[in-house]
Amino acid sequence: MLLDLLLGPVKAGDSEDGEGEGEDTRPNNVAEAERLVNGLPVLSDNDKILRATQGGLVKLTKTTRQILFETYKDEILELVRAKGWLHG
């Protein structure tokens, strides 16, 4: 089934060159095909970056994470205030 998704024909209404009515909605790799077979959506590029970042943060030392957090201090403080995390 994975190979059918990866190598099968483009669905009706889709365009081989990405122009026209539709787009090629086939998965780009085995991981995307596996998600589709399991009823999960294909991850957007932004979601892929988020997951990679989350996984990478735990591998950083505490000192390195603190440097990163200091870099984004203003955004972090804005979020903390908006969520009311210091009051509850």
PDB file of N, CA and C in Angstrom:
ATOM      1  N   MET A   1       0.814  -1.190   0.000  1.00  0.00           N
ATOM      2  CA  MET A   1       0.000   0.000   0.000  1.00  0.00           C
ATOM      3  C   MET A   1       0.862   1.261   0.000  1.00  0.00           C
ATOM      4  N   LEU A   2       1.982   1.223   0.728  1.00  0.00           N
ATOM      5  CA  LEU A   2       2.872   2.384   0.741  1.00  0.00           C
ATOM      6  C   LEU A   2       3.409   2.676  -0.653  1.00  0.00           C
ATOM      7  N   LEU A   3       3.814   1.622  -1.354  1.00  0.00           N
ATOM      8  CA  LEU A   3       4.338   1.825  -2.707  1.00  0.00           C
ATOM      9  C   LEU A   3       3.264   2.357  -3.647  1.00  0.00           C
ATOM     10  N   ASP A   4       2.024   1.915  -3.471  1.00  0.00           N
ATOM     11  CA  ASP A   4       0.927   2.435  -4.289  1.00  0.00           C
ATOM     12  C   ASP A   4       0.786   3.943  -4.103  1.00  0.00           C
ATOM     13  N   LEU A   5       0.888   4.381  -2.853  1.00  0.00           N
ATOM     14  CA  LEU A   5       0.779   5.816  -2.581  1.00  0.00           C
ATOM     15  C   LEU A   5       1.954   6.588  -3.175  1.00  0.00           C
ATOM     16  N   LEU A   6       3.151   6.018  -3.061  1.00  0.00           N
ATOM     17  CA  LEU A   6       4.351   6.708  -3.529  1.00  0.00           C
ATOM     18  C   LEU A   6       4.502   6.705  -5.046  1.00  0.00           C
ATOM     19  N   LEU A   7       4.137   5.589  -5.664  1.00  0.00           N
ATOM     20  CA  LEU A   7       4.416   5.420  -7.087  1.00  0.00           C
ATOM     21  C   LEU A   7       3.187   5.398  -7.973  1.00  0.00           C
ATOM     22  N   GLY A   8       2.007   5.391  -7.360  1.00  0.00           N
ATOM     23  CA  GLY A   8       0.777   5.306  -8.135  1.00  0.00           C
ATOM     24  C   GLY A   8       0.535   6.536  -8.982  1.00  0.00           C
ATOM     25  N   PRO A   9      -0.459   6.462  -9.837  1.00  0.00           N
ATOM     26  CA  PRO A   9      -0.768   7.601 -10.713  1.00  0.00           C
ATOM     27  C   PRO A   9      -1.309   8.775  -9.908  1.00  0.00           C
ATOM     28  N   VAL A  10      -1.155   9.957 -10.469  1.00  0.00           N
ATOM     29  CA  VAL A  10      -1.708  11.161  -9.858  1.00  0.00           C
ATOM     30  C   VAL A  10      -3.218  11.051  -9.932  1.00  0.00           C
ATOM     31  N   LYS A  11      -3.903  11.460  -8.867  1.00  0.00           N
ATOM     32  CA  LYS A  11      -5.360  11.375  -8.837  1.00  0.00           C
ATOM     33  C   LYS A  11      -5.997  12.268  -9.889  1.00  0.00           C
ATOM     34  N   ALA A  12      -7.192  11.892 -10.324  1.00  0.00           N
ATOM     35  CA  ALA A  12      -7.929  12.678 -11.310  1.00  0.00           C
ATOM     36  C   ALA A  12      -8.092  14.107 -10.824  1.00  0.00           C
ATOM     37  N   GLY A  13      -7.898  15.048 -11.723  1.00  0.00           N
ATOM     38  CA  GLY A  13      -8.025  16.456 -11.369  1.00  0.00           C
ATOM     39  C   GLY A  13      -6.717  17.055 -10.903  1.00  0.00           C
ATOM     40  N   ASP A  14      -5.736  16.203 -10.648  1.00  0.00           N
ATOM     41  CA  ASP A  14      -4.431  16.697 -10.248  1.00  0.00           C
ATOM     42  C   ASP A  14      -3.569  16.865 -11.484  1.00  0.00           C
ATOM     43  N   SER A  15      -2.558  17.654 -11.356  1.00  0.00           N
ATOM     44  CA  SER A  15      -1.699  17.982 -12.469  1.00  0.00           C
ATOM     45  C   SER A  15      -0.302  17.444 -12.214  1.00  0.00           C
ATOM     46  N   GLU A  16       0.281  16.794 -13.182  1.00  0.00           N
ATOM     47  CA  GLU A  16       1.628  16.251 -13.049  1.00  0.00           C
ATOM     48  C   GLU A  16       2.659  17.348 -12.806  1.00  0.00           C
ATOM     49  N   ASP A  17       2.495  18.521 -13.430  1.00  0.00           N
ATOM     50  CA  ASP A  17       3.505  19.574 -13.324  1.00  0.00           C
ATOM     51  C   ASP A  17       3.186  20.606 -12.255  1.00  0.00           C
ATOM     52  N   GLY A  18       2.134  20.387 -11.471  1.00  0.00           N
ATOM     53  CA  GLY A  18       1.795  21.313 -10.407  1.00  0.00           C
ATOM     54  C   GLY A  18       1.004  22.511 -10.882  1.00  0.00           C
ATOM     55  N   GLU A  19       0.737  22.577 -12.193  1.00  0.00           N
ATOM     56  CA  GLU A  19      -0.051  23.682 -12.728  1.00  0.00           C
ATOM     57  C   GLU A  19      -1.448  23.190 -13.049  1.00  0.00           C
ATOM     58  N   GLY A  20      -2.364  24.095 -13.150  1.00  0.00           N
ATOM     59  CA  GLY A  20      -3.718  23.703 -13.519  1.00  0.00           C
ATOM     60  C   GLY A  20      -4.616  23.574 -12.321  1.00  0.00           C
ATOM     61  N   GLU A  21      -5.584  22.663 -12.429  1.00  0.00           N
ATOM     62  CA  GLU A  21      -6.635  22.538 -11.427  1.00  0.00           C
ATOM     63  C   GLU A  21      -6.147  22.090 -10.058  1.00  0.00           C
ATOM     64  N   GLY A  22      -5.276  21.110 -10.028  1.00  0.00           N
ATOM     65  CA  GLY A  22      -4.894  20.551  -8.742  1.00  0.00           C
ATOM     66  C   GLY A  22      -3.399  20.384  -8.617  1.00  0.00           C
ATOM     67  N   GLU A  23      -3.002  19.775  -7.519  1.00  0.00           N
ATOM     68  CA  GLU A  23      -1.594  19.498  -7.278  1.00  0.00           C
ATOM     69  C   GLU A  23      -1.409  17.997  -7.126  1.00  0.00           C
ATOM     70  N   ASP A  24      -0.180  17.553  -7.280  1.00  0.00           N
ATOM     71  CA  ASP A  24       0.163  16.160  -7.021  1.00  0.00           C
ATOM     72  C   ASP A  24       0.112  15.969  -5.511  1.00  0.00           C
ATOM     73  N   THR A  25      -0.840  15.187  -5.049  1.00  0.00           N
ATOM     74  CA  THR A  25      -1.024  15.011  -3.609  1.00  0.00           C
ATOM     75  C   THR A  25      -0.366  13.736  -3.091  1.00  0.00           C
ATOM     76  N   ARG A  26       0.452  13.103  -3.915  1.00  0.00           N
ATOM     77  CA  ARG A  26       1.161  11.912  -3.463  1.00  0.00           C
ATOM     78  C   ARG A  26       2.163  12.291  -2.377  1.00  0.00           C
ATOM     79  N   PRO A  27       2.409  11.381  -1.440  1.00  0.00           N
ATOM     80  CA  PRO A  27       3.433  11.645  -0.422  1.00  0.00           C
ATOM     81  C   PRO A  27       4.809  11.726  -1.084  1.00  0.00           C
ATOM     82  N   ASN A  28       5.701  12.465  -0.468  1.00  0.00           N
ATOM     83  CA  ASN A  28       7.040  12.654  -1.014  1.00  0.00           C
ATOM     84  C   ASN A  28       8.037  11.603  -0.559  1.00  0.00           C
ATOM     85  N   ASN A  29       7.680  10.855   0.484  1.00  0.00           N
ATOM     86  CA  ASN A  29       8.610   9.860   1.007  1.00  0.00           C
ATOM     87  C   ASN A  29       7.833   8.801   1.780  1.00  0.00           C
ATOM     88  N   VAL A  30       8.551   7.802   2.239  1.00  0.00           N
ATOM     89  CA  VAL A  30       7.919   6.680   2.937  1.00  0.00           C
ATOM     90  C   VAL A  30       7.257   7.142   4.234  1.00  0.00           C
ATOM     91  N   ALA A  31       7.897   8.056   4.954  1.00  0.00           N
ATOM     92  CA  ALA A  31       7.326   8.531   6.223  1.00  0.00           C
ATOM     93  C   ALA A  31       5.967   9.187   5.986  1.00  0.00           C
ATOM     94  N   GLU A  32       5.847   9.999   4.939  1.00  0.00           N
ATOM     95  CA  GLU A  32       4.567  10.633   4.632  1.00  0.00           C
ATOM     96  C   GLU A  32       3.527   9.593   4.218  1.00  0.00           C
ATOM     97  N   ALA A  33       3.930   8.613   3.423  1.00  0.00           N
ATOM     98  CA  ALA A  33       3.007   7.551   2.999  1.00  0.00           C
ATOM     99  C   ALA A  33       2.526   6.761   4.208  1.00  0.00           C
ATOM    100  N   GLU A  34       3.423   6.474   5.128  1.00  0.00           N
ATOM    101  CA  GLU A  34       3.061   5.723   6.332  1.00  0.00           C
ATOM    102  C   GLU A  34       2.051   6.503   7.173  1.00  0.00           C
ATOM    103  N   ARG A  35       2.244   7.813   7.295  1.00  0.00           N
ATOM    104  CA  ARG A  35       1.279   8.639   8.040  1.00  0.00           C
ATOM    105  C   ARG A  35      -0.099   8.552   7.381  1.00  0.00           C
ATOM    106  N   LEU A  36      -0.151   8.634   6.062  1.00  0.00           N
ATOM    107  CA  LEU A  36      -1.427   8.585   5.348  1.00  0.00           C
ATOM    108  C   LEU A  36      -2.116   7.233   5.540  1.00  0.00           C
ATOM    109  N   VAL A  37      -1.348   6.153   5.454  1.00  0.00           N
ATOM    110  CA  VAL A  37      -1.905   4.808   5.637  1.00  0.00           C
ATOM    111  C   VAL A  37      -2.492   4.665   7.037  1.00  0.00           C
ATOM    112  N   ASN A  38      -1.878   5.314   8.017  1.00  0.00           N
ATOM    113  CA  ASN A  38      -2.346   5.239   9.405  1.00  0.00           C
ATOM    114  C   ASN A  38      -3.404   6.288   9.726  1.00  0.00           C
ATOM    115  N   GLY A  39      -3.889   6.976   8.699  1.00  0.00           N
ATOM    116  CA  GLY A  39      -4.961   7.945   8.902  1.00  0.00           C
ATOM    117  C   GLY A  39      -4.506   9.263   9.504  1.00  0.00           C
ATOM    118  N   LEU A  40      -3.208   9.540   9.450  1.00  0.00           N
ATOM    119  CA  LEU A  40      -2.669  10.783   9.991  1.00  0.00           C
ATOM    120  C   LEU A  40      -2.368  11.753   8.855  1.00  0.00           C
ATOM    121  N   PRO A  41      -2.474  13.045   9.108  1.00  0.00           N
ATOM    122  CA  PRO A  41      -2.159  14.005   8.052  1.00  0.00           C
ATOM    123  C   PRO A  41      -0.655  14.074   7.808  1.00  0.00           C
ATOM    124  N   VAL A  42      -0.280  14.451   6.606  1.00  0.00           N
ATOM    125  CA  VAL A  42       1.123  14.686   6.292  1.00  0.00           C
ATOM    126  C   VAL A  42       1.535  15.972   7.014  1.00  0.00           C
ATOM    127  N   LEU A  43       2.693  15.946   7.645  1.00  0.00           N
ATOM    128  CA  LEU A  43       3.157  17.112   8.387  1.00  0.00           C
ATOM    129  C   LEU A  43       3.590  18.234   7.444  1.00  0.00           C
ATOM    130  N   SER A  44       3.234  19.448   7.815  1.00  0.00           N
ATOM    131  CA  SER A  44       3.691  20.607   7.055  1.00  0.00           C
ATOM    132  C   SER A  44       5.177  20.818   7.339  1.00  0.00           C
ATOM    133  N   ASP A  45       5.837  21.622   6.505  1.00  0.00           N
ATOM    134  CA  ASP A  45       7.241  21.922   6.748  1.00  0.00           C
ATOM    135  C   ASP A  45       7.427  22.554   8.125  1.00  0.00           C
ATOM    136  N   ASN A  46       6.502  23.432   8.505  1.00  0.00           N
ATOM    137  CA  ASN A  46       6.585  24.085   9.809  1.00  0.00           C
ATOM    138  C   ASN A  46       6.483  23.064  10.943  1.00  0.00           C
ATOM    139  N   ASP A  47       5.576  22.089  10.814  1.00  0.00           N
ATOM    140  CA  ASP A  47       5.436  21.043  11.831  1.00  0.00           C
ATOM    141  C   ASP A  47       6.698  20.186  11.924  1.00  0.00           C
ATOM    142  N   LYS A  48       7.324  19.922  10.780  1.00  0.00           N
ATOM    143  CA  LYS A  48       8.563  19.136  10.783  1.00  0.00           C
ATOM    144  C   LYS A  48       9.670  19.884  11.521  1.00  0.00           C
ATOM    145  N   ILE A  49       9.777  21.192  11.284  1.00  0.00           N
ATOM    146  CA  ILE A  49      10.786  22.006  11.963  1.00  0.00           C
ATOM    147  C   ILE A  49      10.506  22.040  13.459  1.00  0.00           C
ATOM    148  N   LEU A  50       9.229  22.192  13.832  1.00  0.00           N
ATOM    149  CA  LEU A  50       8.860  22.220  15.252  1.00  0.00           C
ATOM    150  C   LEU A  50       9.266  20.924  15.940  1.00  0.00           C
ATOM    151  N   ARG A  51       8.936  19.798  15.340  1.00  0.00           N
ATOM    152  CA  ARG A  51       9.283  18.504  15.947  1.00  0.00           C
ATOM    153  C   ARG A  51      10.793  18.337  16.075  1.00  0.00           C
ATOM    154  N   ALA A  52      11.529  18.744  15.045  1.00  0.00           N
ATOM    155  CA  ALA A  52      12.991  18.634  15.091  1.00  0.00           C
ATOM    156  C   ALA A  52      13.557  19.542  16.183  1.00  0.00           C
ATOM    157  N   THR A  53      12.996  20.735  16.324  1.00  0.00           N
ATOM    158  CA  THR A  53      13.458  21.671  17.348  1.00  0.00           C
ATOM    159  C   THR A  53      13.165  21.134  18.733  1.00  0.00           C
ATOM    160  N   GLN A  54      11.954  20.621  18.931  1.00  0.00           N
ATOM    161  CA  GLN A  54      11.599  20.054  20.240  1.00  0.00           C
ATOM    162  C   GLN A  54      12.537  18.915  20.601  1.00  0.00           C
ATOM    163  N   GLY A  55      12.822  18.061  19.647  1.00  0.00           N
ATOM    164  CA  GLY A  55      13.727  16.939  19.900  1.00  0.00           C
ATOM    165  C   GLY A  55      15.150  17.406  20.165  1.00  0.00           C
ATOM    166  N   GLY A  56      15.554  18.473  19.492  1.00  0.00           N
ATOM    167  CA  GLY A  56      16.899  18.991  19.670  1.00  0.00           C
ATOM    168  C   GLY A  56      17.102  19.715  20.986  1.00  0.00           C
ATOM    169  N   LEU A  57      16.063  20.374  21.479  1.00  0.00           N
ATOM    170  CA  LEU A  57      16.186  21.124  22.735  1.00  0.00           C
ATOM    171  C   LEU A  57      16.595  20.231  23.897  1.00  0.00           C
ATOM    172  N   VAL A  58      16.043  19.039  23.959  1.00  0.00           N
ATOM    173  CA  VAL A  58      16.360  18.151  25.072  1.00  0.00           C
ATOM    174  C   VAL A  58      17.800  17.655  25.014  1.00  0.00           C
ATOM    175  N   LYS A  59      18.414  17.745  23.861  1.00  0.00           N
ATOM    176  CA  LYS A  59      19.802  17.294  23.705  1.00  0.00           C
ATOM    177  C   LYS A  59      20.809  18.390  24.058  1.00  0.00           C
ATOM    178  N   LEU A  60      20.339  19.641  24.125  1.00  0.00           N
ATOM    179  CA  LEU A  60      21.227  20.745  24.470  1.00  0.00           C
ATOM    180  C   LEU A  60      21.515  20.749  25.961  1.00  0.00           C
ATOM    181  N   THR A  61      22.670  21.273  26.320  1.00  0.00           N
ATOM    182  CA  THR A  61      22.968  21.436  27.736  1.00  0.00           C
ATOM    183  C   THR A  61      22.095  22.556  28.291  1.00  0.00           C
ATOM    184  N   LYS A  62      21.946  22.590  29.606  1.00  0.00           N
ATOM    185  CA  LYS A  62      21.146  23.624  30.247  1.00  0.00           C
ATOM    186  C   LYS A  62      21.692  25.012  29.907  1.00  0.00           C
ATOM    187  N   THR A  63      23.000  25.156  29.906  1.00  0.00           N
ATOM    188  CA  THR A  63      23.626  26.446  29.593  1.00  0.00           C
ATOM    189  C   THR A  63      23.306  26.880  28.164  1.00  0.00           C
ATOM    190  N   THR A  64      23.358  25.958  27.233  1.00  0.00           N
ATOM    191  CA  THR A  64      23.062  26.285  25.837  1.00  0.00           C
ATOM    192  C   THR A  64      21.588  26.646  25.666  1.00  0.00           C
ATOM    193  N   ARG A  65      20.694  25.921  26.348  1.00  0.00           N
ATOM    194  CA  ARG A  65      19.265  26.267  26.296  1.00  0.00           C
ATOM    195  C   ARG A  65      19.040  27.669  26.851  1.00  0.00           C
ATOM    196  N   GLN A  66      19.734  28.010  27.929  1.00  0.00           N
ATOM    197  CA  GLN A  66      19.584  29.338  28.510  1.00  0.00           C
ATOM    198  C   GLN A  66      20.023  30.426  27.528  1.00  0.00           C
ATOM    199  N   ILE A  67      21.075  30.168  26.778  1.00  0.00           N
ATOM    200  CA  ILE A  67      21.509  31.125  25.753  1.00  0.00           C
ATOM    201  C   ILE A  67      20.412  31.292  24.711  1.00  0.00           C
ATOM    202  N   LEU A  68      19.818  30.190  24.297  1.00  0.00           N
ATOM    203  CA  LEU A  68      18.725  30.245  23.321  1.00  0.00           C
ATOM    204  C   LEU A  68      17.538  31.020  23.877  1.00  0.00           C
ATOM    205  N   PHE A  69      17.158  30.727  25.113  1.00  0.00           N
ATOM    206  CA  PHE A  69      16.019  31.412  25.734  1.00  0.00           C
ATOM    207  C   PHE A  69      16.293  32.902  25.894  1.00  0.00           C
ATOM    208  N   GLU A  70      17.526  33.266  26.231  1.00  0.00           N
ATOM    209  CA  GLU A  70      17.875  34.685  26.336  1.00  0.00           C
ATOM    210  C   GLU A  70      17.744  35.380  24.985  1.00  0.00           C
ATOM    211  N   THR A  71      18.060  34.673  23.930  1.00  0.00           N
ATOM    212  CA  THR A  71      17.926  35.228  22.579  1.00  0.00           C
ATOM    213  C   THR A  71      16.469  35.579  22.280  1.00  0.00           C
ATOM    214  N   TYR A  72      15.539  34.764  22.774  1.00  0.00           N
ATOM    215  CA  TYR A  72      14.102  34.954  22.518  1.00  0.00           C
ATOM    216  C   TYR A  72      13.360  35.449  23.758  1.00  0.00           C
ATOM    217  N   LYS A  73      14.091  36.098  24.660  1.00  0.00           N
ATOM    218  CA  LYS A  73      13.543  36.553  25.939  1.00  0.00           C
ATOM    219  C   LYS A  73      12.269  37.370  25.781  1.00  0.00           C
ATOM    220  N   ASP A  74      12.265  38.339  24.881  1.00  0.00           N
ATOM    221  CA  ASP A  74      11.087  39.204  24.731  1.00  0.00           C
ATOM    222  C   ASP A  74       9.849  38.406  24.320  1.00  0.00           C
ATOM    223  N   GLU A  75      10.016  37.478  23.388  1.00  0.00           N
ATOM    224  CA  GLU A  75       8.884  36.650  22.959  1.00  0.00           C
ATOM    225  C   GLU A  75       8.431  35.718  24.079  1.00  0.00           C
ATOM    226  N   ILE A  76       9.382  35.186  24.822  1.00  0.00           N
ATOM    227  CA  ILE A  76       9.044  34.284  25.924  1.00  0.00           C
ATOM    228  C   ILE A  76       8.286  35.036  27.011  1.00  0.00           C
ATOM    229  N   LEU A  77       8.769  36.227  27.374  1.00  0.00           N
ATOM    230  CA  LEU A  77       8.086  37.018  28.403  1.00  0.00           C
ATOM    231  C   LEU A  77       6.684  37.427  27.959  1.00  0.00           C
ATOM    232  N   GLU A  78       6.531  37.766  26.694  1.00  0.00           N
ATOM    233  CA  GLU A  78       5.207  38.114  26.160  1.00  0.00           C
ATOM    234  C   GLU A  78       4.245  36.934  26.307  1.00  0.00           C
ATOM    235  N   LEU A  79       4.719  35.744  25.995  1.00  0.00           N
ATOM    236  CA  LEU A  79       3.895  34.546  26.118  1.00  0.00           C
ATOM    237  C   LEU A  79       3.553  34.250  27.578  1.00  0.00           C
ATOM    238  N   VAL A  80       4.544  34.370  28.467  1.00  0.00           N
ATOM    239  CA  VAL A  80       4.321  34.120  29.898  1.00  0.00           C
ATOM    240  C   VAL A  80       3.248  35.058  30.440  1.00  0.00           C
ATOM    241  N   ARG A  81       3.335  36.334  30.052  1.00  0.00           N
ATOM    242  CA  ARG A  81       2.346  37.306  30.509  1.00  0.00           C
ATOM    243  C   ARG A  81       0.962  37.002  29.937  1.00  0.00           C
ATOM    244  N   ALA A  82       0.918  36.691  28.651  1.00  0.00           N
ATOM    245  CA  ALA A  82      -0.363  36.426  27.990  1.00  0.00           C
ATOM    246  C   ALA A  82      -1.050  35.191  28.575  1.00  0.00           C
ATOM    247  N   LYS A  83      -0.273  34.192  28.952  1.00  0.00           N
ATOM    248  CA  LYS A  83      -0.831  32.953  29.508  1.00  0.00           C
ATOM    249  C   LYS A  83      -1.082  33.044  31.000  1.00  0.00           C
ATOM    250  N   GLY A  84      -0.547  34.083  31.650  1.00  0.00           N
ATOM    251  CA  GLY A  84      -0.734  34.233  33.086  1.00  0.00           C
ATOM    252  C   GLY A  84      -0.011  33.169  33.891  1.00  0.00           C
ATOM    253  N   TRP A  85       1.092  32.675  33.398  1.00  0.00           N
ATOM    254  CA  TRP A  85       1.794  31.583  34.050  1.00  0.00           C
ATOM    255  C   TRP A  85       2.425  31.972  35.386  1.00  0.00           C
ATOM    256  N   LEU A  86       2.655  33.255  35.617  1.00  0.00           N
ATOM    257  CA  LEU A  86       3.279  33.682  36.870  1.00  0.00           C
ATOM    258  C   LEU A  86       2.259  33.937  37.976  1.00  0.00           C
ATOM    259  N   HIS A  87       0.980  33.907  37.620  1.00  0.00           N
ATOM    260  CA  HIS A  87      -0.064  34.219  38.587  1.00  0.00           C
ATOM    261  C   HIS A  87      -0.847  32.988  39.033  1.00  0.00           C
ATOM    262  N   GLY A  88      -0.443  31.832  38.637  1.00  0.00           N
ATOM    263  CA  GLY A  88      -1.267  30.705  38.971  1.00  0.00           C
ATOM    264  C   GLY A  88      -0.508  29.527  39.364  1.00  0.00           C
TER     265      GLY A  88
END
